[in-house]
Amino acid sequence: MTAPPDQTAVPRQGPAPGQDAAIDPKQLPLARRALAELVGTALLVTVVVGSGIMAVELSPRDTGLQLLENSTATVFGLAALILIFGPVSGAHFNPVVTAADCTLQGRPLRDLAAYVPAQVAGAIGGAVLANLMFDLPAVTASQHDRAEAHLWLGEVIATLGLIVLIFSLVRTERTALAAPAVGAYIGAAYWFTSSTSFANPAVTIGRAFSDTFAGIAPTSVPGFVLAQLAGAAAGVALVLIFYPGKVPVRR
């Protein structure tokens, strides 16, 4: 994600000899950006679900160690995917991030209409891929019930924090830090939230297609998604309070 360009007419220098001009994701064809969101979200869910399956295989009797293994893989995998796909689509991989970008940064609604289906389809495909890699049936509906109020609260907090983090970086022109910062936040939120920080409606839907460590029962998905939407709305409100416009970074 990138902040809207500064409207002040300032002469820009071209790239140095031997260097390419930076890519502006909003100038790329929408189809290419939507494809990047599909592939990136698929790989993210593959990381989450696949590392959960591997964690259970490696540490079958230690749930805490399983969560450590799962969260560690997610931290590094998410950071790497943001670095790969950020220059193409903004590396949202998350419908609430795209919606917040439309609200806060003026991203066109046509992007939301293209990104969200791509993210959901990618998430489902990523779960199927993880299942197949570990010789499981392609689709196994999760039996992991997560329909409890304290878990919904965990999702509100996890999503709120994610939105505030991302758009504090955007509005202070520090998006170069997004990959490590977002990866670190999600890794921490695995441990400080009761829900282990899904914080993503598309990923939540995808994880319902794998009856493994990282799965969520289909009946638990609506409650999680509603909690994530509430957390995103609260996060947008906080961003507007703390960062009402582009804020220069004090050095």
C-alpha atoms as a PDB file:
ATOM      1  CA  MET A   1       0.000   0.000   0.000  1.00  0.00           C
ATOM      2  CA  THR A   2       1.216   3.447  -0.776  1.00  0.00           C
ATOM      3  CA  ALA A   3       0.061   6.851   0.368  1.00  0.00           C
ATOM      4  CA  PRO A   4      -1.561   9.154  -2.206  1.00  0.00           C
ATOM      5  CA  PRO A   5       1.050  11.109  -4.145  1.00  0.00           C
ATOM      6  CA  ASP A   6       1.890  14.550  -2.873  1.00  0.00           C
ATOM      7  CA  GLN A   7       0.059  17.114  -4.977  1.00  0.00           C
ATOM      8  CA  THR A   8       2.882  19.706  -4.666  1.00  0.00           C
ATOM      9  CA  ALA A   9       4.645  20.192  -7.956  1.00  0.00           C
ATOM     10  CA  VAL A  10       8.196  19.171  -7.136  1.00  0.00           C
ATOM     11  CA  PRO A  11      10.680  18.267  -9.872  1.00  0.00           C
ATOM     12  CA  ARG A  12      11.511  14.587  -9.759  1.00  0.00           C
ATOM     13  CA  GLN A  13      14.809  13.105 -10.736  1.00  0.00           C
ATOM     14  CA  GLY A  14      14.839  10.033 -12.920  1.00  0.00           C
ATOM     15  CA  PRO A  15      16.407   6.763 -11.800  1.00  0.00           C
ATOM     16  CA  ALA A  16      20.154   6.603 -11.524  1.00  0.00           C
ATOM     17  CA  PRO A  17      22.046   4.938 -14.385  1.00  0.00           C
ATOM     18  CA  GLY A  18      21.554   1.185 -14.233  1.00  0.00           C
ATOM     19  CA  GLN A  19      18.496   1.437 -11.974  1.00  0.00           C
ATOM     20  CA  ASP A  20      14.817   0.955 -12.813  1.00  0.00           C
ATOM     21  CA  ALA A  21      12.135   3.413 -11.770  1.00  0.00           C
ATOM     22  CA  ALA A  22      10.153   2.344  -8.730  1.00  0.00           C
ATOM     23  CA  ILE A  23       6.886   0.556  -9.453  1.00  0.00           C
ATOM     24  CA  ASP A  24       3.695   2.346  -8.460  1.00  0.00           C
ATOM     25  CA  PRO A  25       1.118  -0.415  -7.759  1.00  0.00           C
ATOM     26  CA  LYS A  26      -1.807   1.884  -8.597  1.00  0.00           C
ATOM     27  CA  GLN A  27      -0.470   2.380 -12.127  1.00  0.00           C
ATOM     28  CA  LEU A  28      -0.376  -1.336 -12.959  1.00  0.00           C
ATOM     29  CA  PRO A  29      -3.327  -3.050 -14.681  1.00  0.00           C
ATOM     30  CA  LEU A  30      -6.028  -4.058 -12.215  1.00  0.00           C
ATOM     31  CA  ALA A  31      -6.053  -7.642 -13.474  1.00  0.00           C
ATOM     32  CA  ARG A  32      -2.338  -8.003 -12.714  1.00  0.00           C
ATOM     33  CA  ARG A  33      -2.797  -6.558  -9.235  1.00  0.00           C
ATOM     34  CA  ALA A  34      -5.776  -8.821  -8.513  1.00  0.00           C
ATOM     35  CA  LEU A  35      -3.762 -11.839  -9.639  1.00  0.00           C
ATOM     36  CA  ALA A  36      -0.974 -10.823  -7.254  1.00  0.00           C
ATOM     37  CA  GLU A  37      -3.530 -10.654  -4.431  1.00  0.00           C
ATOM     38  CA  LEU A  38      -4.850 -14.097  -5.330  1.00  0.00           C
ATOM     39  CA  VAL A  39      -1.404 -15.725  -5.469  1.00  0.00           C
ATOM     40  CA  GLY A  40      -0.094 -13.862  -2.423  1.00  0.00           C
ATOM     41  CA  THR A  41      -3.107 -14.751  -0.273  1.00  0.00           C
ATOM     42  CA  ALA A  42      -2.909 -18.365  -1.440  1.00  0.00           C
ATOM     43  CA  LEU A  43       0.733 -18.596  -0.417  1.00  0.00           C
ATOM     44  CA  LEU A  44       0.003 -16.928   2.927  1.00  0.00           C
ATOM     45  CA  VAL A  45      -2.661 -19.503   3.779  1.00  0.00           C
ATOM     46  CA  THR A  46      -0.370 -22.270   2.570  1.00  0.00           C
ATOM     47  CA  VAL A  47       2.256 -21.010   5.025  1.00  0.00           C
ATOM     48  CA  VAL A  48      -0.224 -20.816   7.909  1.00  0.00           C
ATOM     49  CA  VAL A  49      -1.951 -24.147   7.315  1.00  0.00           C
ATOM     50  CA  GLY A  50       1.118 -26.038   6.121  1.00  0.00           C
ATOM     51  CA  SER A  51       3.275 -24.980   9.058  1.00  0.00           C
ATOM     52  CA  GLY A  52       0.447 -25.947  11.407  1.00  0.00           C
ATOM     53  CA  ILE A  53       0.331 -29.448   9.932  1.00  0.00           C
ATOM     54  CA  MET A  54       4.114 -29.774  10.146  1.00  0.00           C
ATOM     55  CA  ALA A  55       4.110 -28.498  13.726  1.00  0.00           C
ATOM     56  CA  VAL A  56       1.694 -31.228  14.812  1.00  0.00           C
ATOM     57  CA  GLU A  57       3.806 -33.854  13.059  1.00  0.00           C
ATOM     58  CA  LEU A  58       7.029 -32.629  14.683  1.00  0.00           C
ATOM     59  CA  SER A  59       5.656 -31.914  18.179  1.00  0.00           C
ATOM     60  CA  PRO A  60       2.540 -34.072  18.555  1.00  0.00           C
ATOM     61  CA  ARG A  61       2.244 -33.712  22.331  1.00  0.00           C
ATOM     62  CA  ASP A  62       3.233 -30.081  22.895  1.00  0.00           C
ATOM     63  CA  THR A  63       0.608 -27.521  21.886  1.00  0.00           C
ATOM     64  CA  GLY A  64       2.736 -24.576  22.983  1.00  0.00           C
ATOM     65  CA  LEU A  65       5.622 -25.690  20.786  1.00  0.00           C
ATOM     66  CA  GLN A  66       3.186 -26.271  17.914  1.00  0.00           C
ATOM     67  CA  LEU A  67       1.994 -22.672  18.202  1.00  0.00           C
ATOM     68  CA  LEU A  68       5.584 -21.413  18.341  1.00  0.00           C
ATOM     69  CA  GLU A  69       6.479 -23.310  15.178  1.00  0.00           C
ATOM     70  CA  ASN A  70       3.299 -22.146  13.411  1.00  0.00           C
ATOM     71  CA  SER A  71       3.718 -18.501  14.404  1.00  0.00           C
ATOM     72  CA  THR A  72       7.415 -18.406  13.511  1.00  0.00           C
ATOM     73  CA  ALA A  73       6.762 -19.701  10.006  1.00  0.00           C
ATOM     74  CA  THR A  74       3.948 -17.182   9.600  1.00  0.00           C
ATOM     75  CA  VAL A  75       6.128 -14.242  10.666  1.00  0.00           C
ATOM     76  CA  PHE A  76       8.822 -14.974   8.100  1.00  0.00           C
ATOM     77  CA  GLY A  77       6.440 -16.135   5.392  1.00  0.00           C
ATOM     78  CA  LEU A  78       4.228 -13.047   5.668  1.00  0.00           C
ATOM     79  CA  ALA A  79       7.199 -10.670   5.629  1.00  0.00           C
ATOM     80  CA  ALA A  80       8.619 -12.369   2.533  1.00  0.00           C
ATOM     81  CA  LEU A  81       5.270 -12.257   0.713  1.00  0.00           C
ATOM     82  CA  ILE A  82       4.869  -8.538   1.440  1.00  0.00           C
ATOM     83  CA  LEU A  83       8.314  -7.917  -0.064  1.00  0.00           C
ATOM     84  CA  ILE A  84       7.420  -9.982  -3.146  1.00  0.00           C
ATOM     85  CA  PHE A  85       3.949  -8.668  -3.896  1.00  0.00           C
ATOM     86  CA  GLY A  86       4.016  -5.210  -2.300  1.00  0.00           C
ATOM     87  CA  PRO A  87       5.364  -3.512  -5.441  1.00  0.00           C
ATOM     88  CA  VAL A  88       2.644  -5.170  -7.559  1.00  0.00           C
ATOM     89  CA  SER A  89      -0.606  -4.908  -5.594  1.00  0.00           C
ATOM     90  CA  GLY A  90       0.293  -3.389  -2.250  1.00  0.00           C
ATOM     91  CA  ALA A  91       0.303  -6.893  -0.661  1.00  0.00           C
ATOM     92  CA  HIS A  92      -2.990  -6.524   1.160  1.00  0.00           C
ATOM     93  CA  PHE A  93      -3.958 -10.232   1.218  1.00  0.00           C
ATOM     94  CA  ASN A  94      -6.838  -9.098   3.428  1.00  0.00           C
ATOM     95  CA  PRO A  95     -10.273  -7.631   2.589  1.00  0.00           C
ATOM     96  CA  VAL A  96     -10.338  -5.338   5.625  1.00  0.00           C
ATOM     97  CA  VAL A  97      -6.970  -3.843   4.677  1.00  0.00           C
ATOM     98  CA  THR A  98      -8.250  -3.158   1.166  1.00  0.00           C
ATOM     99  CA  ALA A  99     -11.468  -1.639   2.529  1.00  0.00           C
ATOM    100  CA  ALA A 100      -9.485   0.537   4.939  1.00  0.00           C
ATOM    101  CA  ASP A 101      -7.225   1.636   2.083  1.00  0.00           C
ATOM    102  CA  CYS A 102     -10.301   2.739   0.130  1.00  0.00           C
ATOM    103  CA  THR A 103     -11.598   4.651   3.146  1.00  0.00           C
ATOM    104  CA  LEU A 104      -8.359   6.258   4.303  1.00  0.00           C
ATOM    105  CA  GLN A 105      -6.264   6.579   1.169  1.00  0.00           C
ATOM    106  CA  GLY A 106      -8.844   6.954  -1.583  1.00  0.00           C
ATOM    107  CA  ARG A 107      -8.191   3.672  -3.361  1.00  0.00           C
ATOM    108  CA  PRO A 108     -10.912   3.211  -6.029  1.00  0.00           C
ATOM    109  CA  LEU A 109     -13.808   0.948  -5.103  1.00  0.00           C
ATOM    110  CA  ARG A 110     -13.213  -1.031  -8.289  1.00  0.00           C
ATOM    111  CA  ASP A 111     -10.013  -2.244  -6.642  1.00  0.00           C
ATOM    112  CA  LEU A 112     -12.021  -3.471  -3.654  1.00  0.00           C
ATOM    113  CA  ALA A 113     -14.423  -5.279  -6.004  1.00  0.00           C
ATOM    114  CA  ALA A 114     -11.508  -7.027  -7.717  1.00  0.00           C
ATOM    115  CA  TYR A 115      -9.243  -7.648  -4.730  1.00  0.00           C
ATOM    116  CA  VAL A 116     -11.732  -9.218  -2.317  1.00  0.00           C
ATOM    117  CA  PRO A 117     -12.862 -12.132  -4.543  1.00  0.00           C
ATOM    118  CA  ALA A 118      -9.233 -12.731  -5.479  1.00  0.00           C
ATOM    119  CA  GLN A 119      -8.209 -12.810  -1.815  1.00  0.00           C
ATOM    120  CA  VAL A 120     -10.988 -15.225  -0.845  1.00  0.00           C
ATOM    121  CA  ALA A 121     -10.353 -17.526  -3.804  1.00  0.00           C
ATOM    122  CA  GLY A 122      -6.634 -17.457  -3.086  1.00  0.00           C
ATOM    123  CA  ALA A 123      -7.177 -18.289   0.577  1.00  0.00           C
ATOM    124  CA  ILE A 124      -9.275 -21.331  -0.279  1.00  0.00           C
ATOM    125  CA  GLY A 125      -6.744 -22.442  -2.872  1.00  0.00           C
ATOM    126  CA  GLY A 126      -3.923 -22.033  -0.367  1.00  0.00           C
ATOM    127  CA  ALA A 127      -5.649 -24.307   2.137  1.00  0.00           C
ATOM    128  CA  VAL A 128      -6.227 -26.926  -0.559  1.00  0.00           C
ATOM    129  CA  LEU A 129      -2.562 -26.720  -1.589  1.00  0.00           C
ATOM    130  CA  ALA A 130      -1.385 -27.200   1.999  1.00  0.00           C
ATOM    131  CA  ASN A 131      -3.678 -30.205   2.422  1.00  0.00           C
ATOM    132  CA  LEU A 132      -2.348 -31.820  -0.745  1.00  0.00           C
ATOM    133  CA  MET A 133       1.300 -31.170   0.154  1.00  0.00           C
ATOM    134  CA  PHE A 134       0.835 -33.197   3.324  1.00  0.00           C
ATOM    135  CA  ASP A 135      -1.051 -36.030   1.603  1.00  0.00           C
ATOM    136  CA  LEU A 136      -4.450 -35.063   3.023  1.00  0.00           C
ATOM    137  CA  PRO A 137      -7.728 -34.863   1.123  1.00  0.00           C
ATOM    138  CA  ALA A 138      -7.871 -31.637  -0.895  1.00  0.00           C
ATOM    139  CA  VAL A 139     -10.781 -30.305   1.178  1.00  0.00           C
ATOM    140  CA  THR A 140     -11.489 -31.272   4.766  1.00  0.00           C
ATOM    141  CA  ALA A 141     -14.021 -29.130   6.631  1.00  0.00           C
ATOM    142  CA  SER A 142     -12.438 -28.084   9.910  1.00  0.00           C
ATOM    143  CA  GLN A 143     -13.975 -29.303  13.159  1.00  0.00           C
ATOM    144  CA  HIS A 144     -12.122 -26.718  15.266  1.00  0.00           C
ATOM    145  CA  ASP A 145     -14.925 -24.794  16.949  1.00  0.00           C
ATOM    146  CA  ARG A 146     -13.987 -21.188  17.750  1.00  0.00           C
ATOM    147  CA  ALA A 147     -17.449 -19.678  18.303  1.00  0.00           C
ATOM    148  CA  GLU A 148     -16.887 -18.032  21.684  1.00  0.00           C
ATOM    149  CA  ALA A 149     -17.220 -14.399  22.740  1.00  0.00           C
ATOM    150  CA  HIS A 150     -13.722 -14.087  24.188  1.00  0.00           C
ATOM    151  CA  LEU A 151     -12.262 -15.273  20.861  1.00  0.00           C
ATOM    152  CA  TRP A 152     -14.338 -12.676  19.002  1.00  0.00           C
ATOM    153  CA  LEU A 153     -12.900 -10.018  21.297  1.00  0.00           C
ATOM    154  CA  GLY A 154      -9.428 -11.304  20.467  1.00  0.00           C
ATOM    155  CA  GLU A 155     -10.194 -10.851  16.779  1.00  0.00           C
ATOM    156  CA  VAL A 156     -11.437  -7.297  17.329  1.00  0.00           C
ATOM    157  CA  ILE A 157      -8.178  -6.384  19.058  1.00  0.00           C
ATOM    158  CA  ALA A 158      -5.950  -8.215  16.566  1.00  0.00           C
ATOM    159  CA  THR A 159      -7.592  -6.559  13.555  1.00  0.00           C
ATOM    160  CA  LEU A 160      -7.705  -3.116  15.160  1.00  0.00           C
ATOM    161  CA  GLY A 161      -3.979  -3.253  15.865  1.00  0.00           C
ATOM    162  CA  LEU A 162      -3.176  -4.454  12.356  1.00  0.00           C
ATOM    163  CA  ILE A 163      -5.080  -1.586  10.716  1.00  0.00           C
ATOM    164  CA  VAL A 164      -3.526   1.035  12.995  1.00  0.00           C
ATOM    165  CA  LEU A 165      -0.032  -0.335  12.358  1.00  0.00           C
ATOM    166  CA  ILE A 166      -0.352  -0.455   8.575  1.00  0.00           C
ATOM    167  CA  PHE A 167      -1.863   2.980   8.126  1.00  0.00           C
ATOM    168  CA  SER A 168       0.366   4.662  10.674  1.00  0.00           C
ATOM    169  CA  LEU A 169       3.223   3.548   8.431  1.00  0.00           C
ATOM    170  CA  VAL A 170       1.413   4.671   5.281  1.00  0.00           C
ATOM    171  CA  ARG A 171       0.495   8.095   6.637  1.00  0.00           C
ATOM    172  CA  THR A 172       3.979   8.782   7.946  1.00  0.00           C
ATOM    173  CA  GLU A 173       5.638   7.561   4.743  1.00  0.00           C
ATOM    174  CA  ARG A 174       7.416   4.642   6.374  1.00  0.00           C
ATOM    175  CA  THR A 175       6.022   1.843   4.184  1.00  0.00           C
ATOM    176  CA  ALA A 176       9.530   0.426   3.708  1.00  0.00           C
ATOM    177  CA  LEU A 177       9.089  -0.960   7.221  1.00  0.00           C
ATOM    178  CA  ALA A 178       5.805  -2.713   6.415  1.00  0.00           C
ATOM    179  CA  ALA A 179       7.174  -6.213   5.814  1.00  0.00           C
ATOM    180  CA  PRO A 180       9.065  -6.637   9.108  1.00  0.00           C
ATOM    181  CA  ALA A 181       6.549  -4.589  11.106  1.00  0.00           C
ATOM    182  CA  VAL A 182       3.457  -6.461   9.945  1.00  0.00           C
ATOM    183  CA  GLY A 183       5.203  -9.820  10.255  1.00  0.00           C
ATOM    184  CA  ALA A 184       6.329  -8.985  13.785  1.00  0.00           C
ATOM    185  CA  TYR A 185       2.874  -7.752  14.809  1.00  0.00           C
ATOM    186  CA  ILE A 186       1.087 -10.868  13.563  1.00  0.00           C
ATOM    187  CA  GLY A 187       3.693 -13.057  15.248  1.00  0.00           C
ATOM    188  CA  ALA A 188       3.167 -11.256  18.545  1.00  0.00           C
ATOM    189  CA  ALA A 189      -0.624 -11.299  18.173  1.00  0.00           C
ATOM    190  CA  TYR A 190      -0.538 -15.101  17.816  1.00  0.00           C
ATOM    191  CA  TRP A 191       0.465 -15.073  21.470  1.00  0.00           C
ATOM    192  CA  PHE A 192      -1.255 -12.097  23.086  1.00  0.00           C
ATOM    193  CA  THR A 193      -4.744 -12.664  21.627  1.00  0.00           C
ATOM    194  CA  SER A 194      -7.067 -15.469  22.679  1.00  0.00           C
ATOM    195  CA  SER A 195      -7.935 -16.198  19.039  1.00  0.00           C
ATOM    196  CA  THR A 196      -4.318 -16.497  17.806  1.00  0.00           C
ATOM    197  CA  SER A 197      -4.901 -13.486  15.532  1.00  0.00           C
ATOM    198  CA  PHE A 198      -6.620 -14.454  12.310  1.00  0.00           C
ATOM    199  CA  ALA A 199      -7.345 -10.724  11.670  1.00  0.00           C
ATOM    200  CA  ASN A 200      -8.318 -11.454   8.071  1.00  0.00           C
ATOM    201  CA  PRO A 201     -11.735 -12.483   6.662  1.00  0.00           C
ATOM    202  CA  ALA A 202     -10.263 -14.133   3.553  1.00  0.00           C
ATOM    203  CA  VAL A 203      -7.751 -16.185   5.547  1.00  0.00           C
ATOM    204  CA  THR A 204     -10.500 -17.103   8.010  1.00  0.00           C
ATOM    205  CA  ILE A 205     -12.637 -18.494   5.190  1.00  0.00           C
ATOM    206  CA  GLY A 206      -9.697 -20.357   3.701  1.00  0.00           C
ATOM    207  CA  ARG A 207      -8.739 -21.996   6.988  1.00  0.00           C
ATOM    208  CA  ALA A 208     -12.220 -23.518   7.222  1.00  0.00           C
ATOM    209  CA  PHE A 209     -11.206 -25.817   4.340  1.00  0.00           C
ATOM    210  CA  SER A 210      -8.549 -27.672   6.357  1.00  0.00           C
ATOM    211  CA  ASP A 211      -9.323 -29.852   9.373  1.00  0.00           C
ATOM    212  CA  THR A 212      -5.876 -29.346  10.821  1.00  0.00           C
ATOM    213  CA  PHE A 213      -4.122 -27.345  13.544  1.00  0.00           C
ATOM    214  CA  ALA A 214      -4.827 -23.936  11.956  1.00  0.00           C
ATOM    215  CA  GLY A 215      -8.393 -24.704  10.907  1.00  0.00           C
ATOM    216  CA  ILE A 216     -11.659 -23.113  11.979  1.00  0.00           C
ATOM    217  CA  ALA A 217     -15.075 -24.742  11.831  1.00  0.00           C
ATOM    218  CA  PRO A 218     -17.307 -23.252   9.103  1.00  0.00           C
ATOM    219  CA  THR A 219     -19.919 -22.424  11.744  1.00  0.00           C
ATOM    220  CA  SER A 220     -17.337 -20.283  13.558  1.00  0.00           C
ATOM    221  CA  VAL A 221     -16.405 -18.231  10.482  1.00  0.00           C
ATOM    222  CA  PRO A 222     -19.274 -15.666  10.594  1.00  0.00           C
ATOM    223  CA  GLY A 223     -18.513 -14.631  14.184  1.00  0.00           C
ATOM    224  CA  PHE A 224     -14.824 -14.184  13.402  1.00  0.00           C
ATOM    225  CA  VAL A 225     -15.512 -12.165  10.262  1.00  0.00           C
ATOM    226  CA  LEU A 226     -17.955  -9.856  12.060  1.00  0.00           C
ATOM    227  CA  ALA A 227     -15.404  -9.320  14.829  1.00  0.00           C
ATOM    228  CA  GLN A 228     -12.726  -8.525  12.250  1.00  0.00           C
ATOM    229  CA  LEU A 229     -14.983  -6.003  10.538  1.00  0.00           C
ATOM    230  CA  ALA A 230     -15.672  -4.340  13.890  1.00  0.00           C
ATOM    231  CA  GLY A 231     -11.964  -4.241  14.685  1.00  0.00           C
ATOM    232  CA  ALA A 232     -11.171  -2.775  11.277  1.00  0.00           C
ATOM    233  CA  ALA A 233     -13.786  -0.030  11.718  1.00  0.00           C
ATOM    234  CA  ALA A 234     -12.364   0.851  15.126  1.00  0.00           C
ATOM    235  CA  GLY A 235      -8.854   0.835  13.664  1.00  0.00           C
ATOM    236  CA  VAL A 236      -9.854   3.223  10.872  1.00  0.00           C
ATOM    237  CA  ALA A 237     -11.385   5.568  13.457  1.00  0.00           C
ATOM    238  CA  LEU A 238      -8.160   5.568  15.493  1.00  0.00           C
ATOM    239  CA  VAL A 239      -6.058   6.236  12.404  1.00  0.00           C
ATOM    240  CA  LEU A 240      -8.232   9.260  11.585  1.00  0.00           C
ATOM    241  CA  ILE A 241      -7.750  10.533  15.141  1.00  0.00           C
ATOM    242  CA  PHE A 242      -4.003   9.965  15.410  1.00  0.00           C
ATOM    243  CA  TYR A 243      -3.033  10.536  11.763  1.00  0.00           C
ATOM    244  CA  PRO A 244      -5.659  12.834  10.184  1.00  0.00           C
ATOM    245  CA  GLY A 245      -3.429  13.483   7.179  1.00  0.00           C
ATOM    246  CA  LYS A 246       0.019  12.801   5.859  1.00  0.00           C
ATOM    247  CA  VAL A 247       2.293  13.282   8.873  1.00  0.00           C
ATOM    248  CA  PRO A 248       5.952  14.203   8.357  1.00  0.00           C
ATOM    249  CA  VAL A 249       8.400  11.972  10.179  1.00  0.00           C
ATOM    250  CA  ARG A 250      10.527  13.796  12.716  1.00  0.00           C
ATOM    251  CA  ARG A 251      14.185  12.935  12.351  1.00  0.00           C
END
